[in-house]
């Protein structure tokens, strides 16, 4: 169940961060409300996750997935560019999360 809470936390954080960009500095009401709600849900679910999953593992997965997703959303929705260095860096983050989850005894499955 803790991995489900982590997945919900990741999804909520992605929605909240996307809405944060769309809120234009909290000047637009609905994106601002989505941002606040999304971050509240994300941190609540992350807190539930931390009852079982070690904080370092949970945060690595949460932030890594968020970085990849927000980078793709930025590229697709906001026409932000990703150069070679950015793509390599994102790839290294993904590789790090995979190594943590597949090879580390710290990650509990």
C-alpha atoms as a PDB file:
ATOM      1  CA  UNK A   1       0.000   0.000   0.000  1.00  0.00           C
ATOM      2  CA  UNK A   2       2.894   2.367   0.702  1.00  0.00           C
ATOM      3  CA  UNK A   3       4.008   2.239  -2.935  1.00  0.00           C
ATOM      4  CA  UNK A   4       0.473   3.189  -3.983  1.00  0.00           C
ATOM      5  CA  UNK A   5       0.601   6.185  -1.636  1.00  0.00           C
ATOM      6  CA  UNK A   6       3.951   7.119  -3.160  1.00  0.00           C
ATOM      7  CA  UNK A   7       2.481   6.905  -6.671  1.00  0.00           C
ATOM      8  CA  UNK A   8      -0.403   9.165  -5.612  1.00  0.00           C
ATOM      9  CA  UNK A   9       2.083  11.592  -4.028  1.00  0.00           C
ATOM     10  CA  UNK A  10       4.085  11.696  -7.256  1.00  0.00           C
ATOM     11  CA  UNK A  11       0.990  12.244  -9.417  1.00  0.00           C
ATOM     12  CA  UNK A  12      -0.319  14.976  -7.114  1.00  0.00           C
ATOM     13  CA  UNK A  13       3.050  16.727  -7.090  1.00  0.00           C
ATOM     14  CA  UNK A  14       3.228  16.619 -10.891  1.00  0.00           C
ATOM     15  CA  UNK A  15      -0.258  18.100 -11.222  1.00  0.00           C
ATOM     16  CA  UNK A  16       0.517  20.738  -8.572  1.00  0.00           C
ATOM     17  CA  UNK A  17       3.784  21.768 -10.201  1.00  0.00           C
ATOM     18  CA  UNK A  18       2.162  22.012 -13.621  1.00  0.00           C
ATOM     19  CA  UNK A  19      -0.618  24.134 -12.121  1.00  0.00           C
ATOM     20  CA  UNK A  20       2.017  26.256 -10.353  1.00  0.00           C
ATOM     21  CA  UNK A  21       3.469  27.193 -13.733  1.00  0.00           C
ATOM     22  CA  UNK A  22      -0.022  27.878 -15.076  1.00  0.00           C
ATOM     23  CA  UNK A  23      -0.924  30.023 -12.035  1.00  0.00           C
ATOM     24  CA  UNK A  24       1.393  32.764 -13.325  1.00  0.00           C
ATOM     25  CA  UNK A  25       2.702  33.666  -9.889  1.00  0.00           C
ATOM     26  CA  UNK A  26      -0.576  32.863  -8.100  1.00  0.00           C
ATOM     27  CA  UNK A  27      -2.443  35.451 -10.171  1.00  0.00           C
ATOM     28  CA  UNK A  28      -4.895  32.919 -11.646  1.00  0.00           C
ATOM     29  CA  UNK A  29      -7.426  31.458  -9.198  1.00  0.00           C
ATOM     30  CA  UNK A  30      -8.067  27.931 -10.484  1.00  0.00           C
ATOM     31  CA  UNK A  31      -4.446  26.963 -11.140  1.00  0.00           C
ATOM     32  CA  UNK A  32      -3.587  28.391  -7.701  1.00  0.00           C
ATOM     33  CA  UNK A  33      -6.267  26.250  -6.025  1.00  0.00           C
ATOM     34  CA  UNK A  34      -5.081  23.174  -7.925  1.00  0.00           C
ATOM     35  CA  UNK A  35      -1.509  23.917  -6.825  1.00  0.00           C
ATOM     36  CA  UNK A  36      -2.425  24.179  -3.145  1.00  0.00           C
ATOM     37  CA  UNK A  37      -4.656  21.102  -3.212  1.00  0.00           C
ATOM     38  CA  UNK A  38      -2.110  19.077  -5.156  1.00  0.00           C
ATOM     39  CA  UNK A  39       0.759  19.858  -2.815  1.00  0.00           C
ATOM     40  CA  UNK A  40      -1.380  19.123   0.265  1.00  0.00           C
ATOM     41  CA  UNK A  41      -2.331  15.738  -1.172  1.00  0.00           C
ATOM     42  CA  UNK A  42       1.242  15.039  -2.272  1.00  0.00           C
ATOM     43  CA  UNK A  43       2.744  15.713   1.149  1.00  0.00           C
ATOM     44  CA  UNK A  44      -0.032  13.829   2.952  1.00  0.00           C
ATOM     45  CA  UNK A  45       0.531  10.730   0.797  1.00  0.00           C
ATOM     46  CA  UNK A  46       4.303  11.090   1.098  1.00  0.00           C
ATOM     47  CA  UNK A  47       3.918  11.177   4.887  1.00  0.00           C
ATOM     48  CA  UNK A  48       1.887   7.947   4.754  1.00  0.00           C
ATOM     49  CA  UNK A  49       4.552   6.420   2.540  1.00  0.00           C
ATOM     50  CA  UNK A  50       7.284   7.229   5.048  1.00  0.00           C
ATOM     51  CA  UNK A  51       5.660   4.962   7.632  1.00  0.00           C
ATOM     52  CA  UNK A  52       7.085   2.010   5.686  1.00  0.00           C
ATOM     53  CA  UNK A  53       9.535   3.118   2.988  1.00  0.00           C
ATOM     54  CA  UNK A  54      12.827   4.700   4.126  1.00  0.00           C
ATOM     55  CA  UNK A  55      12.868   8.464   3.559  1.00  0.00           C
ATOM     56  CA  UNK A  56      15.893   8.408   1.246  1.00  0.00           C
ATOM     57  CA  UNK A  57      14.350   5.807  -1.039  1.00  0.00           C
ATOM     58  CA  UNK A  58      10.903   7.410  -1.069  1.00  0.00           C
ATOM     59  CA  UNK A  59      12.303  10.850  -1.764  1.00  0.00           C
ATOM     60  CA  UNK A  60      14.620   9.585  -4.507  1.00  0.00           C
ATOM     61  CA  UNK A  61      11.724   7.907  -6.299  1.00  0.00           C
ATOM     62  CA  UNK A  62       9.393  10.868  -5.709  1.00  0.00           C
ATOM     63  CA  UNK A  63      11.813  13.516  -6.898  1.00  0.00           C
ATOM     64  CA  UNK A  64      13.219  11.431  -9.749  1.00  0.00           C
ATOM     65  CA  UNK A  65       9.798  10.652 -11.186  1.00  0.00           C
ATOM     66  CA  UNK A  66       8.761  14.263 -10.698  1.00  0.00           C
ATOM     67  CA  UNK A  67      11.821  15.602 -12.505  1.00  0.00           C
ATOM     68  CA  UNK A  68      11.267  13.335 -15.497  1.00  0.00           C
ATOM     69  CA  UNK A  69       7.536  14.036 -15.698  1.00  0.00           C
ATOM     70  CA  UNK A  70       7.814  17.805 -15.239  1.00  0.00           C
ATOM     71  CA  UNK A  71      10.607  17.965 -17.818  1.00  0.00           C
ATOM     72  CA  UNK A  72       8.372  16.187 -20.326  1.00  0.00           C
ATOM     73  CA  UNK A  73       5.381  18.361 -19.451  1.00  0.00           C
ATOM     74  CA  UNK A  74       7.518  21.487 -19.767  1.00  0.00           C
ATOM     75  CA  UNK A  75       8.668  20.328 -23.179  1.00  0.00           C
ATOM     76  CA  UNK A  76       5.214  19.310 -24.445  1.00  0.00           C
ATOM     77  CA  UNK A  77       2.922  21.896 -22.833  1.00  0.00           C
ATOM     78  CA  UNK A  78       5.120  24.932 -22.282  1.00  0.00           C
ATOM     79  CA  UNK A  79       7.467  24.492 -25.283  1.00  0.00           C
ATOM     80  CA  UNK A  80      10.561  24.480 -23.054  1.00  0.00           C
ATOM     81  CA  UNK A  81      13.641  22.954 -24.625  1.00  0.00           C
ATOM     82  CA  UNK A  82      15.798  20.142 -23.289  1.00  0.00           C
ATOM     83  CA  UNK A  83      19.366  20.160 -24.549  1.00  0.00           C
ATOM     84  CA  UNK A  84      21.743  17.208 -24.568  1.00  0.00           C
ATOM     85  CA  UNK A  85      23.126  17.974 -21.119  1.00  0.00           C
ATOM     86  CA  UNK A  86      19.604  18.122 -19.664  1.00  0.00           C
ATOM     87  CA  UNK A  87      18.684  14.793 -21.237  1.00  0.00           C
ATOM     88  CA  UNK A  88      21.883  13.171 -19.967  1.00  0.00           C
ATOM     89  CA  UNK A  89      21.254  14.542 -16.481  1.00  0.00           C
ATOM     90  CA  UNK A  90      17.666  13.298 -16.462  1.00  0.00           C
ATOM     91  CA  UNK A  91      18.889   9.906 -17.667  1.00  0.00           C
ATOM     92  CA  UNK A  92      21.383   9.782 -14.803  1.00  0.00           C
ATOM     93  CA  UNK A  93      18.615  10.578 -12.311  1.00  0.00           C
ATOM     94  CA  UNK A  94      16.488   7.757 -13.709  1.00  0.00           C
ATOM     95  CA  UNK A  95      19.460   5.399 -13.578  1.00  0.00           C
ATOM     96  CA  UNK A  96      20.088   6.347  -9.950  1.00  0.00           C
ATOM     97  CA  UNK A  97      16.496   5.621  -8.954  1.00  0.00           C
ATOM     98  CA  UNK A  98      16.635   2.266 -10.769  1.00  0.00           C
ATOM     99  CA  UNK A  99      19.903   1.340  -9.025  1.00  0.00           C
ATOM    100  CA  UNK A 100      18.419   2.254  -5.640  1.00  0.00           C
ATOM    101  CA  UNK A 101      15.315   0.164  -6.212  1.00  0.00           C
ATOM    102  CA  UNK A 102      16.862  -2.841  -7.913  1.00  0.00           C
ATOM    103  CA  UNK A 103      20.217  -3.239  -6.166  1.00  0.00           C
ATOM    104  CA  UNK A 104      19.980  -1.505  -2.800  1.00  0.00           C
ATOM    105  CA  UNK A 105      18.996  -3.467   0.278  1.00  0.00           C
ATOM    106  CA  UNK A 106      17.647  -0.158   1.656  1.00  0.00           C
ATOM    107  CA  UNK A 107      14.649  -0.309  -0.687  1.00  0.00           C
ATOM    108  CA  UNK A 108      11.943  -2.493   0.759  1.00  0.00           C
ATOM    109  CA  UNK A 109       9.546  -4.065  -1.739  1.00  0.00           C
END
